Amino acid sequence: MNADELFLGSDRSGARYREAMGCAVEAVLAAFDDGGDPYSGTPPDALAARFDDPVVPEDGQGLVQTVDEVTERVLEHSVHPSNPRCAAHLHCPPMIPGLVAETLLTAANQSLDSFDQAPAATVLEERVVDALCDLFGFPADADGVFTSGGTQSNFQALLLARDRYCDRHYGRNVRAAGLPSAADSLRILCSEQAHFTGKQSAHHLGLGDEAVVTVPTDDDRRMDPDALDATLAELETRDEEPFALIATAGTTDFGSIDPLAALADRGVKHDLWVHVDAAYGGALAVSDDYGHRLDGIERADSVAVDFHKLFYQPISCGAFLLRDGGDFERMARNAAYLNPEAHDDVGVPNLVAKSVQTTRRFDALKPYVAFRALGRRGLATLVDRTLELADEAASLLEAAEDFELLCDPTLNAVVFRYRPRNGMDDDAVSELNAAVRRELLRDGRAVVARTDVDGVTSLKFTLLNPTATCDDVARMLDAIRSCGSAVADDPGVAV
């Protein structure tokens, strides 16, 4: 293809673009829109064999042939998140408005690191952030920035929390002078069910995994405020200094939501930065029926929310919200070629100073299009349906003699074990469920997650798909039973 056919800007390239996008749409529909299984079951070695030819050949083969090749080699052997029996991870089916927005923002290719690279996009991101701050009950001086997801948002929260604490308690500007010698005593608190990114962030911040102190949970796997009080008292006797408390609104395994208001009280009492990791459960904020489960989130110092989970947007898309927007100054910096200080003086919007990224996608367009197309009520209907389905799935499991439900669902994660015979000990159940999950992936009829609960391997449905039904859940349970029989009959599969 000639250069004038590769880049937008001419009638000829426009025709090529229209043709190419049509080809891509047909490829996606051919691979995913057939009502089949959520995965082909192809094992890793067979997948690798499909890519034996050179990735970078001497001469190209053209776009149409390449798209056909990608369809056969990649799309047909990809997990299909829109299939109602794809229920393993926090991996949502992307809604069509999000796919449209993804097409628009990718073609526009705006970069949010300076206003002159993304003028309308910069202003729109600010408007979407304002709307999100309102949604979560933050005050007028709140602010935020779009991120790649919860991992980045959680890291940014702990970065600012650490720097604020060092400034207030040691008179130390960490950005300029680095960590104080007393940093070895700094501690981060979270529940024992919290996401691993708390420890990951502590590592990246120079504090180490051991700076993270986990707090026991109650019977509903929520952080226990009494246990938190005891932990804080113990830290004081050891002269250790807690500076941040991570509250989780939607744990990865059980969807548990910590008692946010009670934790906010402890934050005030002990001068802790309270960060709510609502990457999973933040979407409840749009729901009239379930929004009360986030009561207290409006008192947090910061919030992480993801749109590529229960807001049904393509990966990746998240936001970091800050109760006091002035705290962004702790990480802000200016670069003459991007955001000179003179721009600040005349009010040119500057988003790069709020982000740990420089080049950054215009991901704010995706929730904007979804909000405008469906409205809050439309989104709430989707979210509510998945929580209702989780309750229905729990009822199916409770009624089945060969399954055991491990916890009533809070969001739409349902954790259970397959125990086909009475008297099976936990070791046998653990081996069986691990083997069934491997067999399920090879079988392809259902994509189900595994996790460990009290040391025993267990299975999990993450029911993010609003189009899934109780019949789909029943079909997944039948697939588990079928794979369990295959495991028992196949001497080559360890149980």
Protein backbone atom coordinates (compact mmCIF):
# COMPACT_ATOMS: atom_id res chain seq x y z
CA MET A 1 0.00 0.00 0.00
CA ASN A 2 1.19 3.51 -0.83
CA ALA A 3 1.64 6.10 1.91
CA ASP A 4 -1.39 8.08 0.73
CA GLU A 5 -3.49 4.96 1.36
CA LEU A 6 -2.16 4.36 4.87
CA PHE A 7 -3.01 7.64 6.60
CA LEU A 8 -6.28 9.54 6.86
CA GLY A 9 -6.54 12.85 5.06
CA SER A 10 -7.51 12.18 1.48
CA ASP A 11 -10.44 10.78 -0.48
CA ARG A 12 -8.37 7.75 -1.39
CA SER A 13 -7.32 6.97 2.15
CA GLY A 14 -10.86 7.60 3.37
CA ALA A 15 -12.14 4.91 1.03
CA ARG A 16 -9.44 2.55 2.22
CA TYR A 17 -10.32 3.29 5.85
CA ARG A 18 -14.00 2.59 5.26
CA GLU A 19 -13.15 -0.68 3.51
CA ALA A 20 -10.66 -1.73 6.20
CA MET A 21 -13.01 -0.96 9.08
CA GLY A 22 -15.76 -2.92 7.36
CA CYS A 23 -13.38 -5.83 7.00
CA ALA A 24 -12.53 -5.64 10.70
CA VAL A 25 -16.20 -5.53 11.71
CA GLU A 26 -16.98 -8.60 9.62
CA ALA A 27 -14.00 -10.43 11.16
CA VAL A 28 -15.23 -9.72 14.69
CA LEU A 29 -18.78 -10.80 13.87
CA ALA A 30 -17.55 -13.96 12.18
CA ALA A 31 -15.46 -14.92 15.19
CA PHE A 32 -17.71 -13.87 18.06
CA ASP A 33 -21.30 -13.50 16.94
CA ASP A 34 -22.09 -17.16 16.39
CA GLY A 35 -23.62 -18.23 19.71
CA GLY A 36 -20.98 -20.92 20.17
CA ASP A 37 -18.70 -21.68 23.08
CA PRO A 38 -16.76 -18.95 24.90
CA TYR A 39 -13.40 -20.54 24.04
CA SER A 40 -12.11 -22.93 21.41
CA GLY A 41 -10.26 -25.02 24.00
CA THR A 42 -6.99 -24.79 22.06
CA PRO A 43 -3.99 -25.45 24.36
CA PRO A 44 -0.94 -23.13 24.50
CA ASP A 45 1.37 -25.30 22.38
CA ALA A 46 -1.18 -25.52 19.57
CA LEU A 47 -1.68 -21.75 19.70
CA ALA A 48 2.07 -21.16 19.48
CA ALA A 49 2.33 -23.42 16.43
CA ARG A 50 0.01 -21.04 14.55
CA PHE A 51 2.66 -18.31 14.68
CA ASP A 52 5.67 -20.19 13.34
CA ASP A 53 6.11 -17.98 10.27
CA PRO A 54 8.06 -14.69 10.59
CA VAL A 55 6.25 -11.90 12.41
CA VAL A 56 8.20 -9.36 10.32
CA PRO A 57 8.42 -10.76 6.75
CA GLU A 58 10.52 -9.07 4.10
CA ASP A 59 7.44 -8.14 2.09
CA GLY A 60 3.94 -7.47 3.32
CA GLN A 61 0.91 -9.50 2.27
CA GLY A 62 -1.70 -6.74 2.34
CA LEU A 63 -4.28 -5.79 4.92
CA VAL A 64 -7.22 -7.97 3.86
CA GLN A 65 -5.17 -11.17 3.95
CA THR A 66 -3.65 -10.12 7.27
CA VAL A 67 -7.08 -9.52 8.82
CA ASP A 68 -8.20 -12.94 7.59
CA GLU A 69 -5.09 -14.42 9.18
CA VAL A 70 -5.73 -12.64 12.48
CA THR A 71 -9.33 -13.86 12.44
CA GLU A 72 -8.20 -17.46 12.04
CA ARG A 73 -5.19 -17.36 14.34
CA VAL A 74 -6.29 -14.94 17.07
CA LEU A 75 -9.99 -14.08 17.16
CA GLU A 76 -11.24 -17.63 16.74
CA HIS A 77 -9.05 -18.70 19.67
CA SER A 78 -9.74 -15.76 21.96
CA VAL A 79 -11.94 -15.86 25.01
CA HIS A 80 -15.30 -14.33 24.09
CA PRO A 81 -16.29 -12.02 26.98
CA SER A 82 -19.73 -11.35 25.45
CA ASN A 83 -20.62 -15.02 25.65
CA PRO A 84 -22.95 -15.54 28.66
CA ARG A 85 -20.88 -18.57 29.73
CA CYS A 86 -17.67 -16.54 29.95
CA ALA A 87 -17.74 -15.92 33.70
CA ALA A 88 -14.24 -16.22 35.09
CA HIS A 89 -12.72 -12.83 35.80
CA LEU A 90 -13.65 -9.16 36.08
CA HIS A 91 -13.61 -9.18 32.29
CA CYS A 92 -16.77 -7.54 31.04
CA PRO A 93 -18.56 -7.77 27.71
CA PRO A 94 -17.87 -4.40 26.07
CA MET A 95 -21.06 -2.58 25.14
CA ILE A 96 -21.53 -1.36 21.56
CA PRO A 97 -21.46 2.37 22.54
CA GLY A 98 -18.04 1.68 24.07
CA LEU A 99 -16.83 -0.01 20.89
CA VAL A 100 -18.02 2.99 18.89
CA ALA A 101 -16.20 5.36 21.27
CA GLU A 102 -13.07 3.21 21.02
CA THR A 103 -13.17 3.55 17.23
CA LEU A 104 -13.58 7.33 17.44
CA LEU A 105 -10.86 7.94 20.01
CA THR A 106 -8.41 5.62 18.29
CA ALA A 107 -8.85 7.34 14.94
CA ALA A 108 -8.62 10.81 16.49
CA ASN A 109 -5.46 9.69 18.38
CA GLN A 110 -5.54 12.56 20.87
CA SER A 111 -2.80 12.56 23.51
CA LEU A 112 -3.86 13.94 26.88
CA ASP A 113 -0.37 15.12 27.90
CA SER A 114 -0.87 18.64 26.55
CA PHE A 115 -3.79 20.85 25.57
CA ASP A 116 -2.48 21.49 22.06
CA GLN A 117 -2.50 17.72 21.36
CA ALA A 118 -6.04 17.20 22.66
CA PRO A 119 -8.02 20.42 23.11
CA ALA A 120 -11.61 19.14 23.13
CA ALA A 121 -10.52 15.85 24.70
CA THR A 122 -8.84 17.69 27.58
CA VAL A 123 -11.93 19.74 28.32
CA LEU A 124 -14.21 16.70 28.04
CA GLU A 125 -12.08 14.67 30.45
CA GLU A 126 -12.36 17.49 32.98
CA ARG A 127 -16.16 17.50 32.57
CA VAL A 128 -16.39 13.73 32.98
CA VAL A 129 -14.19 13.87 36.08
CA ASP A 130 -16.46 16.56 37.56
CA ALA A 131 -19.49 14.37 36.90
CA LEU A 132 -17.80 11.39 38.56
CA CYS A 133 -16.90 13.44 41.62
CA ASP A 134 -20.57 14.45 41.86
CA LEU A 135 -21.65 10.83 41.44
CA PHE A 136 -19.54 9.77 44.43
CA GLY A 137 -20.57 12.73 46.57
CA PHE A 138 -17.23 14.57 46.58
CA PRO A 139 -17.10 18.33 47.29
CA ALA A 140 -16.72 21.11 44.72
CA ASP A 141 -12.91 21.27 45.02
CA ALA A 142 -12.49 17.58 44.18
CA ASP A 143 -10.58 16.57 41.07
CA GLY A 144 -9.38 13.49 39.25
CA VAL A 145 -7.71 12.00 36.23
CA PHE A 146 -8.29 9.03 33.96
CA THR A 147 -6.01 6.03 34.41
CA SER A 148 -5.42 2.63 32.87
CA GLY A 149 -7.33 1.01 35.74
CA GLY A 150 -7.36 0.14 39.41
CA THR A 151 -3.69 -0.78 39.64
CA GLN A 152 -2.58 2.67 38.51
CA SER A 153 -5.28 4.43 40.55
CA ASN A 154 -4.36 2.56 43.74
CA PHE A 155 -0.69 3.34 43.20
CA GLN A 156 -1.40 7.03 42.71
CA ALA A 157 -3.51 7.17 45.88
CA LEU A 158 -0.72 5.68 48.00
CA LEU A 159 1.88 7.91 46.34
CA LEU A 160 -0.03 11.04 47.35
CA ALA A 161 -0.88 9.63 50.78
CA ARG A 162 2.78 8.89 51.48
CA ASP A 163 3.90 12.32 50.33
CA ARG A 164 1.24 14.12 52.36
CA TYR A 165 2.19 12.20 55.50
CA CYS A 166 5.92 12.85 55.06
CA ASP A 167 5.22 16.55 54.49
CA ARG A 168 3.00 16.89 57.56
CA HIS A 169 4.94 14.71 60.00
CA TYR A 170 8.55 15.06 58.86
CA GLY A 171 8.52 18.36 56.97
CA ARG A 172 9.90 16.38 54.04
CA ASN A 173 9.15 17.05 50.37
CA VAL A 174 9.52 13.53 49.00
CA ARG A 175 9.34 14.67 45.38
CA ALA A 176 12.42 16.86 45.87
CA ALA A 177 14.38 15.13 48.60
CA GLY A 178 13.31 11.48 48.57
CA LEU A 179 12.15 9.36 51.47
CA PRO A 180 13.08 10.32 55.04
CA SER A 181 15.14 7.94 57.15
CA ALA A 182 12.02 7.19 59.21
CA ALA A 183 10.25 5.73 56.16
CA ASP A 184 10.98 2.21 57.40
CA SER A 185 8.25 2.72 60.00
CA LEU A 186 5.51 3.73 57.52
CA ARG A 187 2.56 1.35 57.26
CA ILE A 188 -0.44 0.83 54.96
CA LEU A 189 -3.54 -0.92 56.27
CA CYS A 190 -5.95 -3.03 54.23
CA SER A 191 -8.14 -6.07 54.73
CA GLU A 192 -6.81 -9.58 54.24
CA GLN A 193 -9.14 -9.78 51.21
CA ALA A 194 -7.79 -6.60 49.57
CA HIS A 195 -6.28 -6.57 46.08
CA PHE A 196 -2.59 -7.40 45.71
CA THR A 197 -1.90 -3.94 44.27
CA GLY A 198 -1.60 -2.59 47.81
CA LYS A 199 1.62 -4.56 48.25
CA GLN A 200 2.65 -3.92 44.67
CA SER A 201 2.30 -0.18 45.21
CA ALA A 202 4.25 -0.34 48.48
CA HIS A 203 7.07 -2.04 46.59
CA HIS A 204 7.06 0.58 43.85
CA LEU A 205 7.00 3.38 46.43
CA GLY A 206 10.15 2.13 48.12
CA LEU A 207 8.35 0.94 51.25
CA GLY A 208 8.29 -2.80 50.53
CA ASP A 209 5.63 -5.45 50.91
CA GLU A 210 6.20 -5.60 54.65
CA ALA A 211 4.86 -2.07 54.99
CA VAL A 212 1.38 -3.45 54.25
CA VAL A 213 -0.46 -4.69 57.33
CA THR A 214 -3.56 -6.80 56.71
CA VAL A 215 -6.57 -6.59 58.99
CA PRO A 216 -8.82 -9.62 59.67
CA THR A 217 -12.27 -9.73 58.12
CA ASP A 218 -15.69 -10.64 59.49
CA ASP A 219 -17.92 -13.53 58.42
CA ASP A 220 -18.90 -11.57 55.29
CA ARG A 221 -15.22 -11.09 54.39
CA ARG A 222 -15.35 -7.36 55.09
CA MET A 223 -12.71 -5.56 57.10
CA ASP A 224 -13.62 -5.83 60.78
CA PRO A 225 -13.54 -2.36 62.42
CA ASP A 226 -12.83 -3.86 65.84
CA ALA A 227 -9.91 -5.79 64.39
CA LEU A 228 -8.72 -2.56 62.78
CA ASP A 229 -8.79 -0.83 66.16
CA ALA A 230 -6.71 -3.64 67.65
CA THR A 231 -4.24 -3.50 64.76
CA LEU A 232 -3.82 0.27 65.13
CA ALA A 233 -3.20 -0.13 68.84
CA GLU A 234 -0.59 -2.80 68.20
CA LEU A 235 1.19 -0.63 65.61
CA GLU A 236 1.38 2.17 68.16
CA THR A 237 3.11 -0.09 70.70
CA ARG A 238 5.71 -0.95 68.03
CA ASP A 239 6.27 2.72 67.09
CA GLU A 240 5.09 1.98 63.56
CA GLU A 241 3.31 4.75 61.68
CA PRO A 242 0.18 3.97 59.65
CA PHE A 243 -0.47 6.66 57.04
CA ALA A 244 -3.01 5.09 54.69
CA LEU A 245 -6.06 2.85 54.97
CA ILE A 246 -7.31 1.03 51.87
CA ALA A 247 -11.00 0.21 52.02
CA THR A 248 -12.26 -2.17 49.36
CA ALA A 249 -15.62 -1.75 47.64
CA GLY A 250 -15.77 -5.06 45.84
CA THR A 251 -13.10 -7.65 46.60
CA THR A 252 -11.89 -9.71 43.67
CA ASP A 253 -13.08 -13.08 44.97
CA PHE A 254 -16.27 -12.35 46.90
CA GLY A 255 -17.24 -8.81 45.89
CA SER A 256 -17.24 -7.86 49.58
CA ILE A 257 -17.63 -4.19 50.46
CA ASP A 258 -15.85 -2.98 53.58
CA PRO A 259 -17.86 -0.86 56.07
CA LEU A 260 -16.86 2.42 54.44
CA ALA A 261 -18.41 4.82 56.95
CA ALA A 262 -16.84 3.05 59.94
CA LEU A 263 -13.45 3.06 58.23
CA ALA A 264 -13.82 6.76 57.42
CA ASP A 265 -14.34 7.36 61.15
CA ARG A 266 -11.04 5.60 61.89
CA GLY A 267 -9.36 7.64 59.20
CA VAL A 268 -10.36 10.88 60.89
CA LYS A 269 -9.43 9.65 64.37
CA HIS A 270 -5.97 8.37 63.38
CA ASP A 271 -5.08 10.87 60.64
CA LEU A 272 -5.09 8.21 57.92
CA TRP A 273 -5.52 8.81 54.22
CA VAL A 274 -8.60 6.70 53.38
CA HIS A 275 -8.55 5.33 49.86
CA VAL A 276 -11.49 3.33 48.53
CA ASP A 277 -10.59 0.77 45.91
CA ALA A 278 -13.94 0.73 44.11
CA ALA A 279 -12.52 -0.60 40.85
CA TYR A 280 -15.11 -3.39 40.97
CA GLY A 281 -18.02 -2.06 42.99
CA GLY A 282 -17.95 1.62 42.06
CA ALA A 283 -20.65 1.10 39.44
CA LEU A 284 -23.19 0.67 42.25
CA ALA A 285 -23.15 4.46 42.47
CA VAL A 286 -25.53 4.62 39.49
CA SER A 287 -28.05 2.22 41.06
CA ASP A 288 -31.09 3.29 43.07
CA ASP A 289 -31.46 -0.24 44.47
CA TYR A 290 -27.84 -0.98 45.43
CA GLY A 291 -26.12 2.41 45.68
CA HIS A 292 -26.55 2.49 49.48
CA ARG A 293 -23.93 -0.24 49.75
CA LEU A 294 -21.35 2.47 49.02
CA ASP A 295 -22.49 4.72 51.88
CA GLY A 296 -19.43 6.44 53.33
CA ILE A 297 -17.46 6.53 50.07
CA GLU A 298 -18.09 10.28 49.89
CA ARG A 299 -15.84 10.70 52.95
CA ALA A 300 -12.80 9.05 51.35
CA ASP A 301 -9.67 11.00 50.47
CA SER A 302 -9.52 9.20 47.13
CA VAL A 303 -11.40 6.63 45.07
CA ALA A 304 -10.42 4.23 42.30
CA VAL A 305 -13.14 3.30 39.82
CA ASP A 306 -12.86 1.16 36.69
CA PHE A 307 -15.03 1.42 33.61
CA HIS A 308 -13.80 -1.82 32.04
CA LYS A 309 -15.68 -3.83 34.66
CA LEU A 310 -19.29 -3.04 35.60
CA PHE A 311 -19.52 -0.02 33.30
CA TYR A 312 -19.01 -2.34 30.31
CA GLN A 313 -16.28 -0.37 28.51
CA PRO A 314 -13.42 -1.83 26.44
CA ILE A 315 -10.10 -2.29 28.23
CA SER A 316 -8.51 -0.16 29.49
CA CYS A 317 -10.40 2.63 31.24
CA GLY A 318 -10.31 3.77 34.86
CA ALA A 319 -10.32 6.93 36.93
CA PHE A 320 -8.61 8.20 40.07
CA LEU A 321 -10.71 10.68 42.04
CA LEU A 322 -9.27 12.99 44.70
CA ARG A 323 -11.41 14.60 47.38
CA ASP A 324 -9.05 17.59 47.68
CA GLY A 325 -7.85 18.41 44.18
CA GLY A 326 -5.07 20.51 45.66
CA ASP A 327 -3.26 17.31 46.65
CA PHE A 328 -2.31 16.87 42.98
CA GLU A 329 0.27 19.63 43.59
CA ARG A 330 2.36 17.07 45.47
CA MET A 331 3.17 15.32 42.21
CA ALA A 332 2.82 18.14 39.68
CA ARG A 333 5.70 19.18 37.47
CA ASN A 334 6.12 21.32 34.39
CA ALA A 335 7.95 20.60 31.15
CA ALA A 336 8.65 23.47 28.79
CA TYR A 337 7.58 21.55 25.70
CA LEU A 338 4.30 20.29 27.21
CA ASN A 339 2.93 22.39 30.05
CA PRO A 340 5.12 25.41 30.78
CA GLU A 341 4.31 27.38 33.92
CA ALA A 342 3.09 30.24 31.72
CA HIS A 343 0.18 28.01 30.68
CA ASP A 344 -0.88 27.69 34.32
CA ASP A 345 -0.85 31.47 34.67
CA VAL A 346 -3.30 31.98 31.79
CA GLY A 347 -5.55 29.01 32.56
CA VAL A 348 -4.55 26.52 29.85
CA PRO A 349 -5.80 23.12 31.08
CA ASN A 350 -2.99 20.84 32.24
CA LEU A 351 -3.73 17.15 32.82
CA VAL A 352 -0.23 15.69 32.57
CA ALA A 353 0.64 17.11 36.00
CA LYS A 354 -2.10 14.94 37.53
CA SER A 355 -1.01 11.69 35.95
CA VAL A 356 1.83 9.20 36.35
CA GLN A 357 1.65 8.78 32.57
CA THR A 358 2.83 11.20 29.91
CA THR A 359 1.30 10.05 26.62
CA ARG A 360 -2.23 9.03 27.53
CA ARG A 361 -5.28 7.88 25.60
CA PHE A 362 -8.57 9.74 25.39
CA ASP A 363 -10.33 7.02 27.39
CA ALA A 364 -12.75 9.47 28.99
CA LEU A 365 -14.70 9.39 25.73
CA LYS A 366 -15.88 5.85 26.43
CA PRO A 367 -17.86 6.49 29.63
CA TYR A 368 -19.01 9.82 28.17
CA VAL A 369 -20.58 8.07 25.19
CA ALA A 370 -22.10 5.42 27.47
CA PHE A 371 -23.54 7.99 29.88
CA ARG A 372 -24.97 10.09 27.08
CA ALA A 373 -26.36 7.13 25.13
CA LEU A 374 -27.94 5.19 28.03
CA GLY A 375 -28.22 7.67 30.90
CA ARG A 376 -27.77 6.76 34.55
CA ARG A 377 -30.95 4.71 34.64
CA GLY A 378 -29.98 2.70 31.59
CA LEU A 379 -26.61 1.81 33.11
CA ALA A 380 -28.24 1.02 36.44
CA THR A 381 -30.55 -1.47 34.74
CA LEU A 382 -27.53 -3.38 33.41
CA VAL A 383 -25.73 -3.38 36.75
CA ASP A 384 -28.83 -4.38 38.72
CA ARG A 385 -29.55 -7.31 36.42
CA THR A 386 -26.16 -8.88 37.08
CA LEU A 387 -26.58 -8.63 40.84
CA GLU A 388 -30.00 -10.25 40.57
CA LEU A 389 -28.51 -13.04 38.47
CA ALA A 390 -25.88 -13.67 41.14
CA ASP A 391 -28.64 -14.21 43.69
CA GLU A 392 -30.36 -16.60 41.30
CA ALA A 393 -27.11 -18.49 40.78
CA ALA A 394 -26.62 -18.76 44.53
CA SER A 395 -30.08 -20.29 44.84
CA LEU A 396 -29.26 -22.87 42.16
CA LEU A 397 -26.08 -23.84 43.98
CA GLU A 398 -27.81 -24.12 47.34
CA ALA A 399 -30.42 -26.42 45.82
CA ALA A 400 -27.83 -28.70 44.17
CA GLU A 401 -26.56 -31.67 46.18
CA ASP A 402 -23.21 -31.79 44.38
CA PHE A 403 -22.24 -28.13 44.89
CA GLU A 404 -21.60 -26.02 47.98
CA LEU A 405 -22.07 -22.24 48.03
CA LEU A 406 -19.31 -20.56 50.02
CA CYS A 407 -20.80 -17.12 50.58
CA ASP A 408 -23.94 -15.17 49.76
CA PRO A 409 -23.01 -12.78 46.92
CA THR A 410 -22.60 -9.07 47.61
CA LEU A 411 -22.00 -8.02 44.00
CA ASN A 412 -22.04 -10.54 41.16
CA ALA A 413 -19.19 -12.85 42.17
CA VAL A 414 -20.39 -16.31 43.25
CA VAL A 415 -17.84 -18.63 44.88
CA PHE A 416 -18.54 -22.34 45.29
CA ARG A 417 -17.08 -25.83 45.19
CA TYR A 418 -17.96 -28.93 43.24
CA ARG A 419 -18.28 -31.78 45.76
CA PRO A 420 -20.03 -34.66 43.98
CA ARG A 421 -19.78 -37.20 46.81
CA ASN A 422 -20.50 -36.98 50.49
CA GLY A 423 -17.49 -37.58 52.66
CA MET A 424 -14.89 -36.17 50.26
CA ASP A 425 -12.18 -34.53 52.33
CA ASP A 426 -10.88 -31.04 51.54
CA ASP A 427 -7.69 -32.32 49.90
CA ALA A 428 -9.68 -34.44 47.45
CA VAL A 429 -12.12 -31.59 46.79
CA SER A 430 -9.21 -29.21 46.18
CA GLU A 431 -7.57 -31.53 43.64
CA LEU A 432 -10.88 -32.23 41.93
CA ASN A 433 -11.85 -28.58 41.52
CA ALA A 434 -8.40 -27.65 40.19
CA ALA A 435 -8.60 -30.48 37.65
CA VAL A 436 -12.17 -29.59 36.67
CA ARG A 437 -11.18 -26.02 36.00
CA ARG A 438 -8.32 -27.15 33.74
CA GLU A 439 -10.65 -29.52 31.92
CA LEU A 440 -13.25 -26.77 31.52
CA LEU A 441 -10.78 -24.55 29.70
CA ARG A 442 -9.83 -27.43 27.40
CA ASP A 443 -13.51 -28.24 26.89
CA GLY A 444 -14.43 -24.63 26.04
CA ARG A 445 -18.11 -24.72 26.99
CA ALA A 446 -17.62 -22.42 29.98
CA VAL A 447 -14.85 -20.16 31.22
CA VAL A 448 -14.87 -20.25 35.02
CA ALA A 449 -12.36 -18.90 37.54
CA ARG A 450 -10.61 -20.70 40.35
CA THR A 451 -9.49 -19.38 43.70
CA ASP A 452 -8.45 -20.67 47.11
CA VAL A 453 -10.81 -20.34 50.06
CA ASP A 454 -9.46 -21.42 53.44
CA GLY A 455 -6.75 -23.37 51.65
CA VAL A 456 -9.15 -25.32 49.43
CA THR A 457 -9.33 -24.80 45.67
CA SER A 458 -12.73 -23.43 44.74
CA LEU A 459 -14.55 -22.19 41.63
CA LYS A 460 -16.07 -18.82 40.87
CA PHE A 461 -18.61 -17.28 38.54
CA THR A 462 -18.11 -13.57 37.90
CA LEU A 463 -21.46 -12.73 36.36
CA LEU A 464 -20.83 -9.42 34.63
CA ASN A 465 -22.92 -10.09 31.55
CA PRO A 466 -26.38 -8.44 31.65
CA THR A 467 -27.60 -10.75 28.87
CA ALA A 468 -26.79 -13.94 30.80
CA THR A 469 -29.68 -15.89 32.30
CA CYS A 470 -30.25 -18.48 34.98
CA ASP A 471 -30.33 -21.07 32.17
CA ASP A 472 -26.79 -20.05 31.23
CA VAL A 473 -25.70 -20.59 34.84
CA ALA A 474 -27.36 -24.00 34.82
CA ARG A 475 -25.52 -24.89 31.61
CA MET A 476 -22.21 -23.91 33.24
CA LEU A 477 -22.99 -26.13 36.22
CA ASP A 478 -23.77 -28.99 33.82
CA ALA A 479 -20.46 -28.37 32.05
CA ILE A 480 -18.68 -28.58 35.41
CA ARG A 481 -20.40 -31.89 36.14
CA SER A 482 -19.47 -33.19 32.69
CA CYS A 483 -15.85 -32.15 33.09
CA GLY A 484 -15.84 -33.70 36.55
CA SER A 485 -16.83 -37.01 35.01
CA ALA A 486 -14.15 -36.65 32.34
CA VAL A 487 -11.55 -35.97 35.01
CA ALA A 488 -12.61 -39.05 36.96
CA ASP A 489 -12.54 -41.27 33.84
CA ASP A 490 -9.28 -39.96 32.29
CA PRO A 491 -6.17 -41.50 33.85
CA GLY A 492 -4.08 -38.77 32.21
CA VAL A 493 -5.78 -36.03 34.21
CA ALA A 494 -4.68 -35.76 37.81
CA VAL A 495 -7.40 -35.46 40.42
